[in-house]
Amino acid sequence: PSNVYNPRNPGYIYTACHFLHFEQADQYILLLGSQNG
């Protein structure tokens, strides 16, 4: 729902991503790094 398409805004250009999965909670987390840090 929060995904924004704005290729002119560095805050919405993601340059790195990585998944985490917490075994006990069966929780998936996606980490995102952007062009504005």
Full PDB file with SEQRES, HELIX, SHEET, SSBOND, CRYST1, ORIGX, SCALE, CONECT and MASTER records, all heavy atoms in Angstrom:
SEQRES   1 A   37  PRO SER ASN VAL TYR ASN PRO ARG ASN PRO GLY TYR ILE          
SEQRES   2 A   37  TYR THR ALA CYS HIS PHE LEU HIS PHE GLU GLN ALA ASP          
SEQRES   3 A   37  GLN TYR ILE LEU LEU LEU GLY SER GLN ASN GLY                  
HELIX    1 AA1 PRO A   10  TYR A   12  5                                   3    
SHEET    1 AA1 2 TYR A  14  PHE A  22  0                                        
SHEET    2 AA1 2 GLN A  27  SER A  34 -1                                        
CRYST1    1.000    1.000    1.000  90.00  90.00  90.00 P 1           1          
ORIGX1      1.000000  0.000000  0.000000        0.00000                         
ORIGX2      0.000000  1.000000  0.000000        0.00000                         
ORIGX3      0.000000  0.000000  1.000000        0.00000                         
SCALE1      1.000000  0.000000  0.000000        0.00000                         
SCALE2      0.000000  1.000000  0.000000        0.00000                         
SCALE3      0.000000  0.000000  1.000000        0.00000                         
ATOM      1  N   PRO A   1       0.792  -1.235   0.000  1.00  0.00           N  
ATOM      2  CA  PRO A   1       0.000   0.000   0.000  1.00  0.00           C  
ATOM      3  C   PRO A   1       0.822   1.282   0.000  1.00  0.00           C  
ATOM      4  O   PRO A   1       0.393   2.295  -0.556  1.00  0.00           O  
ATOM      5  CB  PRO A   1      -0.827  -0.125   1.291  1.00  0.00           C  
ATOM      6  CG  PRO A   1      -0.903  -1.591   1.555  1.00  0.00           C  
ATOM      7  CD  PRO A   1       0.398  -2.146   1.079  1.00  0.00           C  
ATOM      8  N   SER A   2       2.014   1.256   0.596  1.00  0.00           N  
ATOM      9  CA  SER A   2       2.824   2.474   0.715  1.00  0.00           C  
ATOM     10  C   SER A   2       3.739   2.704  -0.479  1.00  0.00           C  
ATOM     11  O   SER A   2       4.470   3.691  -0.514  1.00  0.00           O  
ATOM     12  CB  SER A   2       3.674   2.404   1.992  1.00  0.00           C  
ATOM     13  OG  SER A   2       4.558   1.291   1.940  1.00  0.00           O  
ATOM     14  N   ASN A   3       3.708   1.806  -1.470  1.00  0.00           N  
ATOM     15  CA  ASN A   3       4.640   1.889  -2.586  1.00  0.00           C  
ATOM     16  C   ASN A   3       4.332   3.109  -3.456  1.00  0.00           C  
ATOM     17  O   ASN A   3       3.200   3.308  -3.889  1.00  0.00           O  
ATOM     18  CB  ASN A   3       4.564   0.620  -3.424  1.00  0.00           C  
ATOM     19  CG  ASN A   3       5.783   0.437  -4.313  1.00  0.00           C  
ATOM     20  OD1 ASN A   3       6.824   1.052  -4.093  1.00  0.00           O  
ATOM     21  ND2 ASN A   3       5.651  -0.414  -5.307  1.00  0.00           N  
ATOM     22  N   VAL A   4       5.340   3.929  -3.700  1.00  0.00           N  
ATOM     23  CA  VAL A   4       5.184   5.151  -4.497  1.00  0.00           C  
ATOM     24  C   VAL A   4       6.090   5.061  -5.716  1.00  0.00           C  
ATOM     25  O   VAL A   4       7.260   4.690  -5.604  1.00  0.00           O  
ATOM     26  CB  VAL A   4       5.545   6.400  -3.665  1.00  0.00           C  
ATOM     27  CG1 VAL A   4       5.499   7.653  -4.528  1.00  0.00           C  
ATOM     28  CG2 VAL A   4       4.604   6.535  -2.468  1.00  0.00           C  
ATOM     29  N   TYR A   5       5.527   5.404  -6.872  1.00  0.00           N  
ATOM     30  CA  TYR A   5       6.336   5.460  -8.100  1.00  0.00           C  
ATOM     31  C   TYR A   5       6.663   6.918  -8.400  1.00  0.00           C  
ATOM     32  O   TYR A   5       5.812   7.690  -8.820  1.00  0.00           O  
ATOM     33  CB  TYR A   5       5.574   4.832  -9.262  1.00  0.00           C  
ATOM     34  CG  TYR A   5       6.299   4.924 -10.590  1.00  0.00           C  
ATOM     35  CD1 TYR A   5       7.593   4.439 -10.723  1.00  0.00           C  
ATOM     36  CD2 TYR A   5       5.688   5.496 -11.704  1.00  0.00           C  
ATOM     37  CE1 TYR A   5       8.264   4.513 -11.930  1.00  0.00           C  
ATOM     38  CE2 TYR A   5       6.347   5.569 -12.921  1.00  0.00           C  
ATOM     39  CZ  TYR A   5       7.637   5.082 -13.024  1.00  0.00           C  
ATOM     40  OH  TYR A   5       8.303   5.160 -14.222  1.00  0.00           O  
ATOM     41  N   ASN A   6       7.908   7.287  -8.136  1.00  0.00           N  
ATOM     42  CA  ASN A   6       8.352   8.651  -8.403  1.00  0.00           C  
ATOM     43  C   ASN A   6       9.850   8.622  -8.691  1.00  0.00           C  
ATOM     44  O   ASN A   6      10.664   8.875  -7.807  1.00  0.00           O  
ATOM     45  CB  ASN A   6       8.047   9.573  -7.216  1.00  0.00           C  
ATOM     46  CG  ASN A   6       8.308  11.035  -7.530  1.00  0.00           C  
ATOM     47  OD1 ASN A   6       8.926  11.355  -8.554  1.00  0.00           O  
ATOM     48  ND2 ASN A   6       7.839  11.929  -6.685  1.00  0.00           N  
ATOM     49  N   PRO A   7      10.230   8.292  -9.934  1.00  0.00           N  
ATOM     50  CA  PRO A   7      11.650   8.127 -10.256  1.00  0.00           C  
ATOM     51  C   PRO A   7      12.457   9.417 -10.201  1.00  0.00           C  
ATOM     52  O   PRO A   7      13.676   9.385 -10.378  1.00  0.00           O  
ATOM     53  CB  PRO A   7      11.609   7.551 -11.685  1.00  0.00           C  
ATOM     54  CG  PRO A   7      10.293   7.950 -12.237  1.00  0.00           C  
ATOM     55  CD  PRO A   7       9.359   8.003 -11.084  1.00  0.00           C  
ATOM     56  N   ARG A   8      11.809  10.553  -9.962  1.00  0.00           N  
ATOM     57  CA  ARG A   8      12.530  11.818  -9.819  1.00  0.00           C  
ATOM     58  C   ARG A   8      12.823  12.161  -8.356  1.00  0.00           C  
ATOM     59  O   ARG A   8      13.511  13.139  -8.074  1.00  0.00           O  
ATOM     60  CB  ARG A   8      11.734  12.952 -10.460  1.00  0.00           C  
ATOM     61  CG  ARG A   8      11.584  12.810 -11.972  1.00  0.00           C  
ATOM     62  CD  ARG A   8      10.926  14.026 -12.588  1.00  0.00           C  
ATOM     63  NE  ARG A   8      10.844  13.904 -14.035  1.00  0.00           N  
ATOM     64  CZ  ARG A   8      10.375  14.860 -14.833  1.00  0.00           C  
ATOM     65  NH1 ARG A   8       9.939  15.996 -14.305  1.00  0.00           N  
ATOM     66  NH2 ARG A   8      10.329  14.673 -16.136  1.00  0.00           N  
ATOM     67  N   ASN A   9      12.262  11.373  -7.443  1.00  0.00           N  
ATOM     68  CA  ASN A   9      12.467  11.615  -6.013  1.00  0.00           C  
ATOM     69  C   ASN A   9      13.425  10.553  -5.460  1.00  0.00           C  
ATOM     70  O   ASN A   9      13.084   9.374  -5.443  1.00  0.00           O  
ATOM     71  CB  ASN A   9      11.131  11.555  -5.276  1.00  0.00           C  
ATOM     72  CG  ASN A   9      11.256  11.931  -3.806  1.00  0.00           C  
ATOM     73  OD1 ASN A   9      12.288  11.723  -3.173  1.00  0.00           O  
ATOM     74  ND2 ASN A   9      10.194  12.483  -3.246  1.00  0.00           N  
ATOM     75  N   PRO A  10      14.631  10.971  -5.012  1.00  0.00           N  
ATOM     76  CA  PRO A  10      15.620   9.981  -4.524  1.00  0.00           C  
ATOM     77  C   PRO A  10      15.121   9.126  -3.368  1.00  0.00           C  
ATOM     78  O   PRO A  10      15.620   8.024  -3.157  1.00  0.00           O  
ATOM     79  CB  PRO A  10      16.801  10.858  -4.087  1.00  0.00           C  
ATOM     80  CG  PRO A  10      16.619  12.147  -4.810  1.00  0.00           C  
ATOM     81  CD  PRO A  10      15.150  12.343  -4.948  1.00  0.00           C  
ATOM     82  N   GLY A  11      14.122   9.612  -2.624  1.00  0.00           N  
ATOM     83  CA  GLY A  11      13.592   8.834  -1.512  1.00  0.00           C  
ATOM     84  C   GLY A  11      12.798   7.630  -1.941  1.00  0.00           C  
ATOM     85  O   GLY A  11      12.577   6.704  -1.150  1.00  0.00           O  
ATOM     86  N   TYR A  12      12.358   7.603  -3.210  1.00  0.00           N  
ATOM     87  CA  TYR A  12      11.572   6.481  -3.720  1.00  0.00           C  
ATOM     88  C   TYR A  12      12.328   5.661  -4.752  1.00  0.00           C  
ATOM     89  O   TYR A  12      11.750   4.821  -5.442  1.00  0.00           O  
ATOM     90  CB  TYR A  12      10.256   6.988  -4.313  1.00  0.00           C  
ATOM     91  CG  TYR A  12       9.381   7.686  -3.305  1.00  0.00           C  
ATOM     92  CD1 TYR A  12       9.090   9.043  -3.432  1.00  0.00           C  
ATOM     93  CD2 TYR A  12       8.866   7.000  -2.214  1.00  0.00           C  
ATOM     94  CE1 TYR A  12       8.299   9.691  -2.500  1.00  0.00           C  
ATOM     95  CE2 TYR A  12       8.069   7.634  -1.280  1.00  0.00           C  
ATOM     96  CZ  TYR A  12       7.786   8.988  -1.426  1.00  0.00           C  
ATOM     97  OH  TYR A  12       7.007   9.622  -0.495  1.00  0.00           O  
ATOM     98  N   ILE A  13      13.627   5.931  -4.888  1.00  0.00           N  
ATOM     99  CA  ILE A  13      14.493   5.113  -5.738  1.00  0.00           C  
ATOM    100  C   ILE A  13      15.320   4.227  -4.828  1.00  0.00           C  
ATOM    101  O   ILE A  13      16.147   4.713  -4.048  1.00  0.00           O  
ATOM    102  CB  ILE A  13      15.413   5.983  -6.615  1.00  0.00           C  
ATOM    103  CG1 ILE A  13      14.582   6.882  -7.532  1.00  0.00           C  
ATOM    104  CG2 ILE A  13      16.360   5.105  -7.431  1.00  0.00           C  
ATOM    105  CD1 ILE A  13      15.407   7.897  -8.300  1.00  0.00           C  
ATOM    106  N   TYR A  14      15.098   2.921  -4.892  1.00  0.00           N  
ATOM    107  CA  TYR A  14      15.746   1.991  -3.970  1.00  0.00           C  
ATOM    108  C   TYR A  14      16.951   1.343  -4.639  1.00  0.00           C  
ATOM    109  O   TYR A  14      16.846   0.734  -5.700  1.00  0.00           O  
ATOM    110  CB  TYR A  14      14.749   0.936  -3.490  1.00  0.00           C  
ATOM    111  CG  TYR A  14      13.595   1.542  -2.725  1.00  0.00           C  
ATOM    112  CD1 TYR A  14      12.289   1.426  -3.187  1.00  0.00           C  
ATOM    113  CD2 TYR A  14      13.820   2.272  -1.571  1.00  0.00           C  
ATOM    114  CE1 TYR A  14      11.229   1.990  -2.498  1.00  0.00           C  
ATOM    115  CE2 TYR A  14      12.766   2.843  -0.872  1.00  0.00           C  
ATOM    116  CZ  TYR A  14      11.478   2.710  -1.335  1.00  0.00           C  
ATOM    117  OH  TYR A  14      10.444   3.284  -0.651  1.00  0.00           O  
ATOM    118  N   THR A  15      18.097   1.503  -3.998  1.00  0.00           N  
ATOM    119  CA  THR A  15      19.364   1.044  -4.572  1.00  0.00           C  
ATOM    120  C   THR A  15      19.867  -0.258  -3.953  1.00  0.00           C  
ATOM    121  O   THR A  15      20.849  -0.825  -4.435  1.00  0.00           O  
ATOM    122  CB  THR A  15      20.434   2.133  -4.391  1.00  0.00           C  
ATOM    123  OG1 THR A  15      20.480   2.522  -2.999  1.00  0.00           O  
ATOM    124  CG2 THR A  15      20.098   3.365  -5.221  1.00  0.00           C  
ATOM    125  N   ALA A  16      19.226  -0.715  -2.880  1.00  0.00           N  
ATOM    126  CA  ALA A  16      19.637  -1.964  -2.232  1.00  0.00           C  
ATOM    127  C   ALA A  16      18.444  -2.544  -1.481  1.00  0.00           C  
ATOM    128  O   ALA A  16      17.593  -1.795  -0.974  1.00  0.00           O  
ATOM    129  CB  ALA A  16      20.800  -1.725  -1.266  1.00  0.00           C  
ATOM    130  N   CYS A  17      18.371  -3.871  -1.416  1.00  0.00           N  
ATOM    131  CA  CYS A  17      17.301  -4.514  -0.652  1.00  0.00           C  
ATOM    132  C   CYS A  17      17.797  -5.849  -0.106  1.00  0.00           C  
ATOM    133  O   CYS A  17      18.726  -6.453  -0.650  1.00  0.00           O  
ATOM    134  CB  CYS A  17      16.043  -4.698  -1.485  1.00  0.00           C  
ATOM    135  SG  CYS A  17      16.213  -5.750  -2.941  1.00  0.00           S  
ATOM    136  N   HIS A  18      17.174  -6.293   0.977  1.00  0.00           N  
ATOM    137  CA  HIS A  18      17.548  -7.569   1.595  1.00  0.00           C  
ATOM    138  C   HIS A  18      16.391  -8.050   2.466  1.00  0.00           C  
ATOM    139  O   HIS A  18      15.733  -7.254   3.136  1.00  0.00           O  
ATOM    140  CB  HIS A  18      18.789  -7.402   2.472  1.00  0.00           C  
ATOM    141  CG  HIS A  18      19.675  -8.616   2.491  1.00  0.00           C  
ATOM    142  ND1 HIS A  18      19.229  -9.852   2.927  1.00  0.00           N  
ATOM    143  CD2 HIS A  18      20.959  -8.798   2.122  1.00  0.00           C  
ATOM    144  CE1 HIS A  18      20.220 -10.724   2.836  1.00  0.00           C  
ATOM    145  NE2 HIS A  18      21.271 -10.122   2.341  1.00  0.00           N  
ATOM    146  N   PHE A  19      16.140  -9.372   2.442  1.00  0.00           N  
ATOM    147  CA  PHE A  19      15.086  -9.967   3.259  1.00  0.00           C  
ATOM    148  C   PHE A  19      15.644 -10.514   4.574  1.00  0.00           C  
ATOM    149  O   PHE A  19      16.784 -10.978   4.633  1.00  0.00           O  
ATOM    150  CB  PHE A  19      14.419 -11.127   2.526  1.00  0.00           C  
ATOM    151  CG  PHE A  19      13.196 -10.757   1.747  1.00  0.00           C  
ATOM    152  CD1 PHE A  19      13.234 -10.717   0.364  1.00  0.00           C  
ATOM    153  CD2 PHE A  19      12.003 -10.456   2.391  1.00  0.00           C  
ATOM    154  CE1 PHE A  19      12.106 -10.390  -0.363  1.00  0.00           C  
ATOM    155  CE2 PHE A  19      10.869 -10.126   1.667  1.00  0.00           C  
ATOM    156  CZ  PHE A  19      10.914 -10.092   0.293  1.00  0.00           C  
ATOM    157  N   LEU A  20      14.789 -10.457   5.598  1.00  0.00           N  
ATOM    158  CA  LEU A  20      15.014 -11.151   6.867  1.00  0.00           C  
ATOM    159  C   LEU A  20      13.793 -12.011   7.164  1.00  0.00           C  
ATOM    160  O   LEU A  20      12.655 -11.633   6.830  1.00  0.00           O  
ATOM    161  CB  LEU A  20      15.181 -10.146   8.014  1.00  0.00           C  
ATOM    162  CG  LEU A  20      16.505  -9.419   8.171  1.00  0.00           C  
ATOM    163  CD1 LEU A  20      16.343  -8.270   9.168  1.00  0.00           C  
ATOM    164  CD2 LEU A  20      17.593 -10.375   8.634  1.00  0.00           C  
ATOM    165  N   HIS A  21      14.022 -13.162   7.799  1.00  0.00           N  
ATOM    166  CA  HIS A  21      12.914 -13.983   8.267  1.00  0.00           C  
ATOM    167  C   HIS A  21      13.193 -14.380   9.714  1.00  0.00           C  
ATOM    168  O   HIS A  21      14.211 -15.006  10.002  1.00  0.00           O  
ATOM    169  CB  HIS A  21      12.739 -15.239   7.415  1.00  0.00           C  
ATOM    170  CG  HIS A  21      11.630 -16.117   7.879  1.00  0.00           C  
ATOM    171  ND1 HIS A  21      11.835 -17.348   8.476  1.00  0.00           N  
ATOM    172  CD2 HIS A  21      10.282 -15.928   7.870  1.00  0.00           C  
ATOM    173  CE1 HIS A  21      10.670 -17.886   8.780  1.00  0.00           C  
ATOM    174  NE2 HIS A  21       9.716 -17.058   8.427  1.00  0.00           N  
ATOM    175  N   PHE A  22      12.284 -13.968  10.618  1.00  0.00           N  
ATOM    176  CA  PHE A  22      12.411 -14.322  12.031  1.00  0.00           C  
ATOM    177  C   PHE A  22      11.690 -15.644  12.264  1.00  0.00           C  
ATOM    178  O   PHE A  22      10.467 -15.735  12.103  1.00  0.00           O  
ATOM    179  CB  PHE A  22      11.829 -13.221  12.917  1.00  0.00           C  
ATOM    180  CG  PHE A  22      12.668 -11.975  12.963  1.00  0.00           C  
ATOM    181  CD1 PHE A  22      12.492 -10.963  12.031  1.00  0.00           C  
ATOM    182  CD2 PHE A  22      13.647 -11.825  13.940  1.00  0.00           C  
ATOM    183  CE1 PHE A  22      13.270  -9.814  12.073  1.00  0.00           C  
ATOM    184  CE2 PHE A  22      14.432 -10.676  13.980  1.00  0.00           C  
ATOM    185  CZ  PHE A  22      14.243  -9.670  13.051  1.00  0.00           C  
ATOM    186  N   GLU A  23      12.476 -16.647  12.628  1.00  0.00           N  
ATOM    187  CA  GLU A  23      11.972 -18.013  12.733  1.00  0.00           C  
ATOM    188  C   GLU A  23      10.838 -18.135  13.744  1.00  0.00           C  
ATOM    189  O   GLU A  23       9.789 -18.719  13.457  1.00  0.00           O  
ATOM    190  CB  GLU A  23      13.141 -18.930  13.124  1.00  0.00           C  
ATOM    191  CG  GLU A  23      12.812 -20.392  13.178  1.00  0.00           C  
ATOM    192  CD  GLU A  23      14.035 -21.206  13.576  1.00  0.00           C  
ATOM    193  OE1 GLU A  23      14.520 -21.052  14.714  1.00  0.00           O  
ATOM    194  OE2 GLU A  23      14.495 -21.986  12.733  1.00  0.00           O  
ATOM    195  N   GLN A  24      11.021 -17.579  14.946  1.00  0.00           N  
ATOM    196  CA  GLN A  24      10.041 -17.759  16.017  1.00  0.00           C  
ATOM    197  C   GLN A  24       8.698 -17.123  15.676  1.00  0.00           C  
ATOM    198  O   GLN A  24       7.638 -17.728  15.867  1.00  0.00           O  
ATOM    199  CB  GLN A  24      10.576 -17.165  17.328  1.00  0.00           C  
ATOM    200  CG  GLN A  24       9.655 -17.382  18.519  1.00  0.00           C  
ATOM    201  CD  GLN A  24      10.297 -16.903  19.816  1.00  0.00           C  
ATOM    202  OE1 GLN A  24      11.310 -16.229  19.807  1.00  0.00           O  
ATOM    203  NE2 GLN A  24       9.696 -17.265  20.940  1.00  0.00           N  
ATOM    204  N   ALA A  25       8.730 -15.905  15.153  1.00  0.00           N  
ATOM    205  CA  ALA A  25       7.495 -15.187  14.835  1.00  0.00           C  
ATOM    206  C   ALA A  25       6.993 -15.484  13.426  1.00  0.00           C  
ATOM    207  O   ALA A  25       5.911 -15.019  13.051  1.00  0.00           O  
ATOM    208  CB  ALA A  25       7.719 -13.687  14.996  1.00  0.00           C  
ATOM    209  N   ASP A  26       7.772 -16.249  12.641  1.00  0.00           N  
ATOM    210  CA  ASP A  26       7.478 -16.476  11.229  1.00  0.00           C  
ATOM    211  C   ASP A  26       7.196 -15.139  10.538  1.00  0.00           C  
ATOM    212  O   ASP A  26       6.214 -14.975   9.818  1.00  0.00           O  
ATOM    213  CB  ASP A  26       6.288 -17.420  11.056  1.00  0.00           C  
ATOM    214  CG  ASP A  26       6.143 -17.907   9.604  1.00  0.00           C  
ATOM    215  OD1 ASP A  26       7.161 -17.901   8.869  1.00  0.00           O  
ATOM    216  OD2 ASP A  26       5.015 -18.259   9.212  1.00  0.00           O  
ATOM    217  N   GLN A  27       8.083 -14.175  10.799  1.00  0.00           N  
ATOM    218  CA  GLN A  27       7.901 -12.809  10.314  1.00  0.00           C  
ATOM    219  C   GLN A  27       8.899 -12.478   9.215  1.00  0.00           C  
ATOM    220  O   GLN A  27      10.106 -12.629   9.399  1.00  0.00           O  
ATOM    221  CB  GLN A  27       8.077 -11.820  11.480  1.00  0.00           C  
ATOM    222  CG  GLN A  27       7.907 -10.364  11.104  1.00  0.00           C  
ATOM    223  CD  GLN A  27       6.499 -10.061  10.639  1.00  0.00           C  
ATOM    224  OE1 GLN A  27       5.556 -10.135  11.405  1.00  0.00           O  
ATOM    225  NE2 GLN A  27       6.353  -9.748   9.363  1.00  0.00           N  
ATOM    226  N   TYR A  28       8.374 -12.022   8.075  1.00  0.00           N  
ATOM    227  CA  TYR A  28       9.213 -11.608   6.953  1.00  0.00           C  
ATOM    228  C   TYR A  28       9.363 -10.089   6.972  1.00  0.00           C  
ATOM    229  O   TYR A  28       8.369  -9.359   7.056  1.00  0.00           O  
ATOM    230  CB  TYR A  28       8.602 -12.026   5.618  1.00  0.00           C  
ATOM    231  CG  TYR A  28       8.599 -13.516   5.378  1.00  0.00           C  
ATOM    232  CD1 TYR A  28       7.529 -14.302   5.783  1.00  0.00           C  
ATOM    233  CD2 TYR A  28       9.672 -14.137   4.742  1.00  0.00           C  
ATOM    234  CE1 TYR A  28       7.521 -15.674   5.561  1.00  0.00           C  
ATOM    235  CE2 TYR A  28       9.672 -15.512   4.522  1.00  0.00           C  
ATOM    236  CZ  TYR A  28       8.595 -16.273   4.936  1.00  0.00           C  
ATOM    237  OH  TYR A  28       8.593 -17.623   4.711  1.00  0.00           O  
ATOM    238  N   ILE A  29      10.609  -9.627   6.889  1.00  0.00           N  
ATOM    239  CA  ILE A  29      10.925  -8.202   6.853  1.00  0.00           C  
ATOM    240  C   ILE A  29      11.760  -7.941   5.598  1.00  0.00           C  
ATOM    241  O   ILE A  29      12.737  -8.653   5.336  1.00  0.00           O  
ATOM    242  CB  ILE A  29      11.734  -7.753   8.084  1.00  0.00           C  
ATOM    243  CG1 ILE A  29      11.004  -8.109   9.384  1.00  0.00           C  
ATOM    244  CG2 ILE A  29      12.057  -6.260   8.016  1.00  0.00           C  
ATOM    245  CD1 ILE A  29       9.748  -7.325   9.631  1.00  0.00           C  
ATOM    246  N   LEU A  30      11.365  -6.918   4.831  1.00  0.00           N  
ATOM    247  CA  LEU A  30      12.164  -6.492   3.682  1.00  0.00           C  
ATOM    248  C   LEU A  30      12.822  -5.160   4.013  1.00  0.00           C  
ATOM    249  O   LEU A  30      12.146  -4.194   4.364  1.00  0.00           O  
ATOM    250  CB  LEU A  30      11.289  -6.343   2.439  1.00  0.00           C  
ATOM    251  CG  LEU A  30      11.996  -5.846   1.173  1.00  0.00           C  
ATOM    252  CD1 LEU A  30      13.115  -6.787   0.758  1.00  0.00           C  
ATOM    253  CD2 LEU A  30      10.998  -5.644   0.040  1.00  0.00           C  
ATOM    254  N   LEU A  31      14.150  -5.131   3.932  1.00  0.00           N  
ATOM    255  CA  LEU A  31      14.921  -3.909   4.160  1.00  0.00           C  
ATOM    256  C   LEU A  31      15.185  -3.236   2.823  1.00  0.00           C  
ATOM    257  O   LEU A  31      15.543  -3.900   1.843  1.00  0.00           O  
ATOM    258  CB  LEU A  31      16.257  -4.244   4.828  1.00  0.00           C  
ATOM    259  CG  LEU A  31      16.191  -4.880   6.204  1.00  0.00           C  
ATOM    260  CD1 LEU A  31      17.463  -5.666   6.484  1.00  0.00           C  
ATOM    261  CD2 LEU A  31      16.000  -3.814   7.272  1.00  0.00           C  
ATOM    262  N   LEU A  32      15.050  -1.906   2.792  1.00  0.00           N  
ATOM    263  CA  LEU A  32      15.242  -1.141   1.566  1.00  0.00           C  
ATOM    264  C   LEU A  32      16.165   0.044   1.840  1.00  0.00           C  
ATOM    265  O   LEU A  32      15.967   0.785   2.811  1.00  0.00           O  
ATOM    266  CB  LEU A  32      13.903  -0.611   1.044  1.00  0.00           C  
ATOM    267  CG  LEU A  32      12.871  -1.657   0.603  1.00  0.00           C  
ATOM    268  CD1 LEU A  32      11.499  -1.010   0.469  1.00  0.00           C  
ATOM    269  CD2 LEU A  32      13.286  -2.299  -0.708  1.00  0.00           C  
ATOM    270  N   GLY A  33      17.157   0.226   0.992  1.00  0.00           N  
ATOM    271  CA  GLY A  33      18.031   1.392   1.060  1.00  0.00           C  
ATOM    272  C   GLY A  33      17.782   2.279  -0.136  1.00  0.00           C  
ATOM    273  O   GLY A  33      17.667   1.786  -1.263  1.00  0.00           O  
ATOM    274  N   SER A  34      17.691   3.592   0.072  1.00  0.00           N  
ATOM    275  CA  SER A  34      17.297   4.492  -0.999  1.00  0.00           C  
ATOM    276  C   SER A  34      18.449   5.347  -1.496  1.00  0.00           C  
ATOM    277  O   SER A  34      19.530   5.392  -0.908  1.00  0.00           O  
ATOM    278  CB  SER A  34      16.152   5.397  -0.539  1.00  0.00           C  
ATOM    279  OG  SER A  34      16.642   6.391   0.333  1.00  0.00           O  
ATOM    280  N   GLN A  35      18.173   6.078  -2.566  1.00  0.00           N  
ATOM    281  CA  GLN A  35      19.177   6.939  -3.182  1.00  0.00           C  
ATOM    282  C   GLN A  35      19.489   8.158  -2.309  1.00  0.00           C  
ATOM    283  O   GLN A  35      20.526   8.787  -2.474  1.00  0.00           O  
ATOM    284  CB  GLN A  35      18.694   7.381  -4.567  1.00  0.00           C  
ATOM    285  CG  GLN A  35      19.801   7.833  -5.501  1.00  0.00           C  
ATOM    286  CD  GLN A  35      19.283   8.080  -6.899  1.00  0.00           C  
ATOM    287  OE1 GLN A  35      18.417   8.919  -7.114  1.00  0.00           O  
ATOM    288  NE2 GLN A  35      19.808   7.341  -7.869  1.00  0.00           N  
ATOM    289  N   ASN A  36      18.589   8.513  -1.381  1.00  0.00           N  
ATOM    290  CA  ASN A  36      18.857   9.656  -0.500  1.00  0.00           C  
ATOM    291  C   ASN A  36      19.364   9.231   0.878  1.00  0.00           C  
ATOM    292  O   ASN A  36      19.390  10.029   1.807  1.00  0.00           O  
ATOM    293  CB  ASN A  36      17.614  10.535  -0.358  1.00  0.00           C  
ATOM    294  CG  ASN A  36      16.523   9.892   0.493  1.00  0.00           C  
ATOM    295  OD1 ASN A  36      16.589   8.698   0.808  1.00  0.00           O  
ATOM    296  ND2 ASN A  36      15.511  10.654   0.862  1.00  0.00           N  
ATOM    297  N   GLY A  37      19.767   7.975   1.006  1.00  0.00           N  
ATOM    298  CA  GLY A  37      20.378   7.491   2.233  1.00  0.00           C  
ATOM    299  C   GLY A  37      19.430   6.929   3.270  1.00  0.00           C  
ATOM    300  O   GLY A  37      19.867   6.484   4.335  1.00  0.00           O  
TER     301      GLY A  37                                                      
MASTER        0    0    0    1    2    0    0    6  300    1    0    3          
END                                                                             
